[in-house]
Amino acid sequence: QANKDLISTGMKEFNVLLNQQVFNDPLISEE
């Protein structure tokens, strides 16, 4: 259960990181 809670927390934090990204010129390649 402790590990499941950590996984859930990690997922939430990672999602916040992704949602905070702003794409400005110059953009990097897809790769």
Full PDB file with SEQRES, HELIX, SHEET, SSBOND, CRYST1, ORIGX, SCALE, CONECT and MASTER records, all heavy atoms in Angstrom:
SEQRES   1 A   31  GLN ALA ASN LYS ASP LEU ILE SER THR GLY MET LYS GLU          
SEQRES   2 A   31  PHE ASN VAL LEU LEU ASN GLN GLN VAL PHE ASN ASP PRO          
SEQRES   3 A   31  LEU ILE SER GLU GLU                                          
HELIX    1 AA1 ALA A    2  ASN A   19  1                                  18    
CRYST1    1.000    1.000    1.000  90.00  90.00  90.00 P 1           1          
ORIGX1      1.000000  0.000000  0.000000        0.00000                         
ORIGX2      0.000000  1.000000  0.000000        0.00000                         
ORIGX3      0.000000  0.000000  1.000000        0.00000                         
SCALE1      1.000000  0.000000  0.000000        0.00000                         
SCALE2      0.000000  1.000000  0.000000        0.00000                         
SCALE3      0.000000  0.000000  1.000000        0.00000                         
ATOM      1  N   GLN A   1       0.832  -1.210   0.000  1.00  0.00           N  
ATOM      2  CA  GLN A   1       0.000   0.000   0.000  1.00  0.00           C  
ATOM      3  C   GLN A   1       0.863   1.255   0.000  1.00  0.00           C  
ATOM      4  O   GLN A   1       0.560   2.217  -0.700  1.00  0.00           O  
ATOM      5  CB  GLN A   1      -0.961   0.015   1.197  1.00  0.00           C  
ATOM      6  CG  GLN A   1      -1.951   1.167   1.159  1.00  0.00           C  
ATOM      7  CD  GLN A   1      -2.782   1.207  -0.118  1.00  0.00           C  
ATOM      8  OE1 GLN A   1      -3.340   0.200  -0.531  1.00  0.00           O  
ATOM      9  NE2 GLN A   1      -2.853   2.358  -0.766  1.00  0.00           N  
ATOM     10  N   ALA A   2       1.942   1.242   0.762  1.00  0.00           N  
ATOM     11  CA  ALA A   2       2.836   2.402   0.799  1.00  0.00           C  
ATOM     12  C   ALA A   2       3.430   2.650  -0.594  1.00  0.00           C  
ATOM     13  O   ALA A   2       3.519   3.802  -1.036  1.00  0.00           O  
ATOM     14  CB  ALA A   2       3.953   2.181   1.818  1.00  0.00           C  
ATOM     15  N   ASN A   3       3.799   1.588  -1.273  1.00  0.00           N  
ATOM     16  CA  ASN A   3       4.352   1.741  -2.621  1.00  0.00           C  
ATOM     17  C   ASN A   3       3.294   2.215  -3.603  1.00  0.00           C  
ATOM     18  O   ASN A   3       3.573   3.039  -4.476  1.00  0.00           O  
ATOM     19  CB  ASN A   3       4.990   0.431  -3.088  1.00  0.00           C  
ATOM     20  CG  ASN A   3       6.281   0.126  -2.350  1.00  0.00           C  
ATOM     21  OD1 ASN A   3       6.888   1.005  -1.750  1.00  0.00           O  
ATOM     22  ND2 ASN A   3       6.692  -1.124  -2.389  1.00  0.00           N  
ATOM     23  N   LYS A   4       2.067   1.726  -3.469  1.00  0.00           N  
ATOM     24  CA  LYS A   4       0.981   2.192  -4.348  1.00  0.00           C  
ATOM     25  C   LYS A   4       0.733   3.685  -4.130  1.00  0.00           C  
ATOM     26  O   LYS A   4       0.490   4.429  -5.081  1.00  0.00           O  
ATOM     27  CB  LYS A   4      -0.283   1.380  -4.106  1.00  0.00           C  
ATOM     28  CG  LYS A   4      -0.201  -0.032  -4.690  1.00  0.00           C  
ATOM     29  CD  LYS A   4      -1.568  -0.653  -4.779  1.00  0.00           C  
ATOM     30  CE  LYS A   4      -1.522  -2.002  -5.433  1.00  0.00           C  
ATOM     31  NZ  LYS A   4      -1.122  -1.970  -6.838  1.00  0.00           N  
ATOM     32  N   ASP A   5       0.800   4.110  -2.877  1.00  0.00           N  
ATOM     33  CA  ASP A   5       0.641   5.536  -2.573  1.00  0.00           C  
ATOM     34  C   ASP A   5       1.763   6.361  -3.194  1.00  0.00           C  
ATOM     35  O   ASP A   5       1.525   7.452  -3.723  1.00  0.00           O  
ATOM     36  CB  ASP A   5       0.592   5.760  -1.060  1.00  0.00           C  
ATOM     37  CG  ASP A   5      -0.660   5.190  -0.409  1.00  0.00           C  
ATOM     38  OD1 ASP A   5      -1.628   4.871  -1.137  1.00  0.00           O  
ATOM     39  OD2 ASP A   5      -0.663   5.046   0.836  1.00  0.00           O  
ATOM     40  N   LEU A   6       2.990   5.846  -3.140  1.00  0.00           N  
ATOM     41  CA  LEU A   6       4.117   6.543  -3.764  1.00  0.00           C  
ATOM     42  C   LEU A   6       3.940   6.638  -5.281  1.00  0.00           C  
ATOM     43  O   LEU A   6       4.217   7.681  -5.877  1.00  0.00           O  
ATOM     44  CB  LEU A   6       5.431   5.830  -3.443  1.00  0.00           C  
ATOM     45  CG  LEU A   6       6.015   6.068  -2.059  1.00  0.00           C  
ATOM     46  CD1 LEU A   6       7.217   5.164  -1.824  1.00  0.00           C  
ATOM     47  CD2 LEU A   6       6.418   7.525  -1.892  1.00  0.00           C  
ATOM     48  N   ILE A   7       3.486   5.560  -5.885  1.00  0.00           N  
ATOM     49  CA  ILE A   7       3.250   5.551  -7.334  1.00  0.00           C  
ATOM     50  C   ILE A   7       2.197   6.595  -7.688  1.00  0.00           C  
ATOM     51  O   ILE A   7       2.364   7.374  -8.630  1.00  0.00           O  
ATOM     52  CB  ILE A   7       2.835   4.146  -7.813  1.00  0.00           C  
ATOM     53  CG1 ILE A   7       4.023   3.186  -7.704  1.00  0.00           C  
ATOM     54  CG2 ILE A   7       2.295   4.187  -9.252  1.00  0.00           C  
ATOM     55  CD1 ILE A   7       3.650   1.723  -7.851  1.00  0.00           C  
ATOM     56  N   SER A   8       1.130   6.635  -6.909  1.00  0.00           N  
ATOM     57  CA  SER A   8       0.066   7.611  -7.148  1.00  0.00           C  
ATOM     58  C   SER A   8       0.595   9.038  -7.016  1.00  0.00           C  
ATOM     59  O   SER A   8       0.308   9.898  -7.860  1.00  0.00           O  
ATOM     60  CB  SER A   8      -1.077   7.364  -6.166  1.00  0.00           C  
ATOM     61  OG  SER A   8      -2.083   8.331  -6.330  1.00  0.00           O  
ATOM     62  N   THR A   9       1.394   9.291  -5.994  1.00  0.00           N  
ATOM     63  CA  THR A   9       1.978  10.614  -5.802  1.00  0.00           C  
ATOM     64  C   THR A   9       2.901  10.965  -6.959  1.00  0.00           C  
ATOM     65  O   THR A   9       2.859  12.082  -7.487  1.00  0.00           O  
ATOM     66  CB  THR A   9       2.744  10.666  -4.460  1.00  0.00           C  
ATOM     67  OG1 THR A   9       1.839  10.406  -3.398  1.00  0.00           O  
ATOM     68  CG2 THR A   9       3.408  12.010  -4.249  1.00  0.00           C  
ATOM     69  N   GLY A  10       3.738  10.020  -7.350  1.00  0.00           N  
ATOM     70  CA  GLY A  10       4.646  10.257  -8.468  1.00  0.00           C  
ATOM     71  C   GLY A  10       3.912  10.583  -9.749  1.00  0.00           C  
ATOM     72  O   GLY A  10       4.310  11.473 -10.502  1.00  0.00           O  
ATOM     73  N   MET A  11       2.815   9.875  -9.992  1.00  0.00           N  
ATOM     74  CA  MET A  11       2.013  10.129 -11.193  1.00  0.00           C  
ATOM     75  C   MET A  11       1.413  11.528 -11.155  1.00  0.00           C  
ATOM     76  O   MET A  11       1.426  12.245 -12.166  1.00  0.00           O  
ATOM     77  CB  MET A  11       0.917   9.076 -11.322  1.00  0.00           C  
ATOM     78  CG  MET A  11       1.427   7.701 -11.676  1.00  0.00           C  
ATOM     79  SD  MET A  11       0.147   6.430 -11.575  1.00  0.00           S  
ATOM     80  CE  MET A  11      -1.048   7.054 -12.755  1.00  0.00           C  
ATOM     81  N   LYS A  12       0.893  11.923 -10.004  1.00  0.00           N  
ATOM     82  CA  LYS A  12       0.301  13.261  -9.881  1.00  0.00           C  
ATOM     83  C   LYS A  12       1.351  14.338 -10.112  1.00  0.00           C  
ATOM     84  O   LYS A  12       1.106  15.315 -10.827  1.00  0.00           O  
ATOM     85  CB  LYS A  12      -0.338  13.426  -8.507  1.00  0.00           C  
ATOM     86  CG  LYS A  12      -1.610  12.639  -8.331  1.00  0.00           C  
ATOM     87  CD  LYS A  12      -2.145  12.767  -6.918  1.00  0.00           C  
ATOM     88  CE  LYS A  12      -3.306  11.800  -6.701  1.00  0.00           C  
ATOM     89  NZ  LYS A  12      -3.668  11.692  -5.292  1.00  0.00           N  
ATOM     90  N   GLU A  13       2.522  14.163  -9.499  1.00  0.00           N  
ATOM     91  CA  GLU A  13       3.591  15.157  -9.655  1.00  0.00           C  
ATOM     92  C   GLU A  13       4.080  15.222 -11.100  1.00  0.00           C  
ATOM     93  O   GLU A  13       4.346  16.312 -11.624  1.00  0.00           O  
ATOM     94  CB  GLU A  13       4.749  14.832  -8.719  1.00  0.00           C  
ATOM     95  CG  GLU A  13       4.410  15.031  -7.255  1.00  0.00           C  
ATOM     96  CD  GLU A  13       5.501  14.554  -6.309  1.00  0.00           C  
ATOM     97  OE1 GLU A  13       6.487  13.936  -6.778  1.00  0.00           O  
ATOM     98  OE2 GLU A  13       5.365  14.792  -5.100  1.00  0.00           O  
ATOM     99  N   PHE A  14       4.198  14.081 -11.743  1.00  0.00           N  
ATOM    100  CA  PHE A  14       4.653  14.034 -13.132  1.00  0.00           C  
ATOM    101  C   PHE A  14       3.631  14.710 -14.041  1.00  0.00           C  
ATOM    102  O   PHE A  14       4.001  15.453 -14.958  1.00  0.00           O  
ATOM    103  CB  PHE A  14       4.875  12.578 -13.553  1.00  0.00           C  
ATOM    104  CG  PHE A  14       5.559  12.417 -14.881  1.00  0.00           C  
ATOM    105  CD1 PHE A  14       6.899  12.690 -15.027  1.00  0.00           C  
ATOM    106  CD2 PHE A  14       4.847  11.971 -15.990  1.00  0.00           C  
ATOM    107  CE1 PHE A  14       7.541  12.537 -16.251  1.00  0.00           C  
ATOM    108  CE2 PHE A  14       5.476  11.814 -17.216  1.00  0.00           C  
ATOM    109  CZ  PHE A  14       6.824  12.097 -17.340  1.00  0.00           C  
ATOM    110  N   ASN A  15       2.367  14.483 -13.770  1.00  0.00           N  
ATOM    111  CA  ASN A  15       1.312  15.117 -14.560  1.00  0.00           C  
ATOM    112  C   ASN A  15       1.369  16.639 -14.412  1.00  0.00           C  
ATOM    113  O   ASN A  15       1.168  17.367 -15.391  1.00  0.00           O  
ATOM    114  CB  ASN A  15      -0.049  14.563 -14.141  1.00  0.00           C  
ATOM    115  CG  ASN A  15      -1.031  14.563 -15.279  1.00  0.00           C  
ATOM    116  OD1 ASN A  15      -0.655  14.482 -16.442  1.00  0.00           O  
ATOM    117  ND2 ASN A  15      -2.292  14.646 -14.949  1.00  0.00           N  
ATOM    118  N   VAL A  16       1.646  17.117 -13.212  1.00  0.00           N  
ATOM    119  CA  VAL A  16       1.800  18.561 -12.997  1.00  0.00           C  
ATOM    120  C   VAL A  16       2.963  19.089 -13.833  1.00  0.00           C  
ATOM    121  O   VAL A  16       2.850  20.126 -14.495  1.00  0.00           O  
ATOM    122  CB  VAL A  16       2.006  18.873 -11.494  1.00  0.00           C  
ATOM    123  CG1 VAL A  16       2.450  20.315 -11.282  1.00  0.00           C  
ATOM    124  CG2 VAL A  16       0.724  18.591 -10.714  1.00  0.00           C  
ATOM    125  N   LEU A  17       4.079  18.360 -13.818  1.00  0.00           N  
ATOM    126  CA  LEU A  17       5.240  18.756 -14.625  1.00  0.00           C  
ATOM    127  C   LEU A  17       4.862  18.868 -16.100  1.00  0.00           C  
ATOM    128  O   LEU A  17       5.186  19.862 -16.759  1.00  0.00           O  
ATOM    129  CB  LEU A  17       6.377  17.745 -14.446  1.00  0.00           C  
ATOM    130  CG  LEU A  17       7.579  17.919 -15.369  1.00  0.00           C  
ATOM    131  CD1 LEU A  17       8.359  19.179 -15.009  1.00  0.00           C  
ATOM    132  CD2 LEU A  17       8.476  16.694 -15.310  1.00  0.00           C  
ATOM    133  N   LEU A  18       4.178  17.876 -16.618  1.00  0.00           N  
ATOM    134  CA  LEU A  18       3.789  17.898 -18.030  1.00  0.00           C  
ATOM    135  C   LEU A  18       2.854  19.065 -18.323  1.00  0.00           C  
ATOM    136  O   LEU A  18       2.997  19.736 -19.354  1.00  0.00           O  
ATOM    137  CB  LEU A  18       3.117  16.582 -18.421  1.00  0.00           C  
ATOM    138  CG  LEU A  18       3.989  15.329 -18.378  1.00  0.00           C  
ATOM    139  CD1 LEU A  18       3.163  14.101 -18.734  1.00  0.00           C  
ATOM    140  CD2 LEU A  18       5.196  15.447 -19.298  1.00  0.00           C  
ATOM    141  N   ASN A  19       1.915  19.312 -17.429  1.00  0.00           N  
ATOM    142  CA  ASN A  19       0.933  20.384 -17.652  1.00  0.00           C  
ATOM    143  C   ASN A  19       1.541  21.781 -17.530  1.00  0.00           C  
ATOM    144  O   ASN A  19       0.950  22.751 -17.998  1.00  0.00           O  
ATOM    145  CB  ASN A  19      -0.244  20.237 -16.699  1.00  0.00           C  
ATOM    146  CG  ASN A  19      -1.108  19.050 -17.049  1.00  0.00           C  
ATOM    147  OD1 ASN A  19      -1.199  18.645 -18.200  1.00  0.00           O  
ATOM    148  ND2 ASN A  19      -1.735  18.456 -16.048  1.00  0.00           N  
ATOM    149  N   GLN A  20       2.706  21.888 -16.909  1.00  0.00           N  
ATOM    150  CA  GLN A  20       3.355  23.192 -16.737  1.00  0.00           C  
ATOM    151  C   GLN A  20       4.183  23.598 -17.949  1.00  0.00           C  
ATOM    152  O   GLN A  20       4.644  24.736 -18.014  1.00  0.00           O  
ATOM    153  CB  GLN A  20       4.284  23.170 -15.510  1.00  0.00           C  
ATOM    154  CG  GLN A  20       3.561  23.146 -14.205  1.00  0.00           C  
ATOM    155  CD  GLN A  20       4.529  23.053 -13.031  1.00  0.00           C  
ATOM    156  OE1 GLN A  20       5.671  22.638 -13.178  1.00  0.00           O  
ATOM    157  NE2 GLN A  20       4.055  23.438 -11.862  1.00  0.00           N  
ATOM    158  N   GLN A  21       4.364  22.697 -18.888  1.00  0.00           N  
ATOM    159  CA  GLN A  21       5.250  22.989 -20.018  1.00  0.00           C  
ATOM    160  C   GLN A  21       4.611  24.011 -20.951  1.00  0.00           C  
ATOM    161  O   GLN A  21       3.439  23.935 -21.272  1.00  0.00           O  
ATOM    162  CB  GLN A  21       5.593  21.709 -20.774  1.00  0.00           C  
ATOM    163  CG  GLN A  21       6.298  20.685 -19.929  1.00  0.00           C  
ATOM    164  CD  GLN A  21       7.447  21.261 -19.122  1.00  0.00           C  
ATOM    165  OE1 GLN A  21       8.374  21.849 -19.677  1.00  0.00           O  
ATOM    166  NE2 GLN A  21       7.376  21.125 -17.806  1.00  0.00           N  
ATOM    167  N   VAL A  22       5.425  24.961 -21.359  1.00  0.00           N  
ATOM    168  CA  VAL A  22       5.018  25.990 -22.304  1.00  0.00           C  
ATOM    169  C   VAL A  22       5.945  25.860 -23.511  1.00  0.00           C  
ATOM    170  O   VAL A  22       7.162  25.771 -23.353  1.00  0.00           O  
ATOM    171  CB  VAL A  22       5.145  27.399 -21.679  1.00  0.00           C  
ATOM    172  CG1 VAL A  22       4.793  28.474 -22.694  1.00  0.00           C  
ATOM    173  CG2 VAL A  22       4.270  27.508 -20.440  1.00  0.00           C  
ATOM    174  N   PHE A  23       5.370  25.837 -24.677  1.00  0.00           N  
ATOM    175  CA  PHE A  23       6.152  25.645 -25.895  1.00  0.00           C  
ATOM    176  C   PHE A  23       6.368  26.978 -26.581  1.00  0.00           C  
ATOM    177  O   PHE A  23       5.436  27.606 -27.044  1.00  0.00           O  
ATOM    178  CB  PHE A  23       5.448  24.664 -26.834  1.00  0.00           C  
ATOM    179  CG  PHE A  23       5.097  23.374 -26.164  1.00  0.00           C  
ATOM    180  CD1 PHE A  23       3.779  22.991 -26.027  1.00  0.00           C  
ATOM    181  CD2 PHE A  23       6.083  22.550 -25.642  1.00  0.00           C  
ATOM    182  CE1 PHE A  23       3.449  21.794 -25.401  1.00  0.00           C  
ATOM    183  CE2 PHE A  23       5.763  21.356 -25.019  1.00  0.00           C  
ATOM    184  CZ  PHE A  23       4.442  20.977 -24.901  1.00  0.00           C  
ATOM    185  N   ASN A  24       7.607  27.389 -26.642  1.00  0.00           N  
ATOM    186  CA  ASN A  24       7.976  28.648 -27.282  1.00  0.00           C  
ATOM    187  C   ASN A  24       8.975  28.387 -28.395  1.00  0.00           C  
ATOM    188  O   ASN A  24       9.687  27.397 -28.377  1.00  0.00           O  
ATOM    189  CB  ASN A  24       8.627  29.600 -26.260  1.00  0.00           C  
ATOM    190  CG  ASN A  24       7.661  30.008 -25.169  1.00  0.00           C  
ATOM    191  OD1 ASN A  24       6.524  30.334 -25.445  1.00  0.00           O  
ATOM    192  ND2 ASN A  24       8.120  29.996 -23.933  1.00  0.00           N  
ATOM    193  N   ASP A  25       9.024  29.338 -29.339  1.00  0.00           N  
ATOM    194  CA  ASP A  25      10.072  29.264 -30.358  1.00  0.00           C  
ATOM    195  C   ASP A  25      11.393  29.589 -29.691  1.00  0.00           C  
ATOM    196  O   ASP A  25      11.434  30.450 -28.822  1.00  0.00           O  
ATOM    197  CB  ASP A  25       9.790  30.275 -31.477  1.00  0.00           C  
ATOM    198  CG  ASP A  25       8.820  29.722 -32.503  1.00  0.00           C  
ATOM    199  OD1 ASP A  25       8.809  28.498 -32.707  1.00  0.00           O  
ATOM    200  OD2 ASP A  25       8.086  30.520 -33.103  1.00  0.00           O  
ATOM    201  N   PRO A  26      12.478  28.971 -30.053  1.00  0.00           N  
ATOM    202  CA  PRO A  26      12.536  27.867 -31.003  1.00  0.00           C  
ATOM    203  C   PRO A  26      12.158  26.544 -30.328  1.00  0.00           C  
ATOM    204  O   PRO A  26      12.528  26.286 -29.187  1.00  0.00           O  
ATOM    205  CB  PRO A  26      14.004  27.853 -31.430  1.00  0.00           C  
ATOM    206  CG  PRO A  26      14.740  28.379 -30.245  1.00  0.00           C  
ATOM    207  CD  PRO A  26      13.804  29.366 -29.583  1.00  0.00           C  
ATOM    208  N   LEU A  27      11.399  25.763 -31.051  1.00  0.00           N  
ATOM    209  CA  LEU A  27      10.993  24.451 -30.549  1.00  0.00           C  
ATOM    210  C   LEU A  27      12.103  23.443 -30.797  1.00  0.00           C  
ATOM    211  O   LEU A  27      12.853  23.559 -31.755  1.00  0.00           O  
ATOM    212  CB  LEU A  27       9.720  24.001 -31.268  1.00  0.00           C  
ATOM    213  CG  LEU A  27       8.485  24.869 -31.026  1.00  0.00           C  
ATOM    214  CD1 LEU A  27       7.358  24.435 -31.953  1.00  0.00           C  
ATOM    215  CD2 LEU A  27       8.049  24.780 -29.585  1.00  0.00           C  
ATOM    216  N   ILE A  28      12.183  22.460 -29.922  1.00  0.00           N  
ATOM    217  CA  ILE A  28      13.150  21.388 -30.147  1.00  0.00           C  
ATOM    218  C   ILE A  28      12.489  20.318 -31.007  1.00  0.00           C  
ATOM    219  O   ILE A  28      11.266  20.283 -31.148  1.00  0.00           O  
ATOM    220  CB  ILE A  28      13.672  20.804 -28.815  1.00  0.00           C  
ATOM    221  CG1 ILE A  28      12.545  20.161 -28.000  1.00  0.00           C  
ATOM    222  CG2 ILE A  28      14.391  21.878 -28.017  1.00  0.00           C  
ATOM    223  CD1 ILE A  28      13.009  19.443 -26.737  1.00  0.00           C  
ATOM    224  N   SER A  29      13.284  19.441 -31.553  1.00  0.00           N  
ATOM    225  CA  SER A  29      12.738  18.394 -32.414  1.00  0.00           C  
ATOM    226  C   SER A  29      11.911  17.409 -31.597  1.00  0.00           C  
ATOM    227  O   SER A  29      12.034  17.326 -30.367  1.00  0.00           O  
ATOM    228  CB  SER A  29      13.874  17.648 -33.121  1.00  0.00           C  
ATOM    229  OG  SER A  29      14.580  16.847 -32.184  1.00  0.00           O  
ATOM    230  N   GLU A  30      11.079  16.658 -32.302  1.00  0.00           N  
ATOM    231  CA  GLU A  30      10.271  15.629 -31.637  1.00  0.00           C  
ATOM    232  C   GLU A  30      11.169  14.610 -30.941  1.00  0.00           C  
ATOM    233  O   GLU A  30      10.894  14.210 -29.808  1.00  0.00           O  
ATOM    234  CB  GLU A  30       9.384  14.937 -32.674  1.00  0.00           C  
ATOM    235  CG  GLU A  30       8.492  13.871 -32.084  1.00  0.00           C  
ATOM    236  CD  GLU A  30       7.652  13.173 -33.138  1.00  0.00           C  
ATOM    237  OE1 GLU A  30       7.673  13.564 -34.321  1.00  0.00           O  
ATOM    238  OE2 GLU A  30       6.961  12.214 -32.767  1.00  0.00           O  
ATOM    239  N   GLU A  31      12.247  14.211 -31.595  1.00  0.00           N  
ATOM    240  CA  GLU A  31      13.171  13.239 -31.015  1.00  0.00           C  
ATOM    241  C   GLU A  31      13.807  13.784 -29.740  1.00  0.00           C  
ATOM    242  O   GLU A  31      13.970  13.046 -28.761  1.00  0.00           O  
ATOM    243  CB  GLU A  31      14.257  12.854 -32.024  1.00  0.00           C  
ATOM    244  CG  GLU A  31      13.749  12.123 -33.238  1.00  0.00           C  
ATOM    245  CD  GLU A  31      13.132  13.056 -34.304  1.00  0.00           C  
ATOM    246  OE1 GLU A  31      13.367  14.287 -34.262  1.00  0.00           O  
ATOM    247  OE2 GLU A  31      12.398  12.555 -35.162  1.00  0.00           O  
TER     248      GLU A  31                                                      
MASTER        0    0    0    1    0    0    0    6  247    1    0    3          
END                                                                             
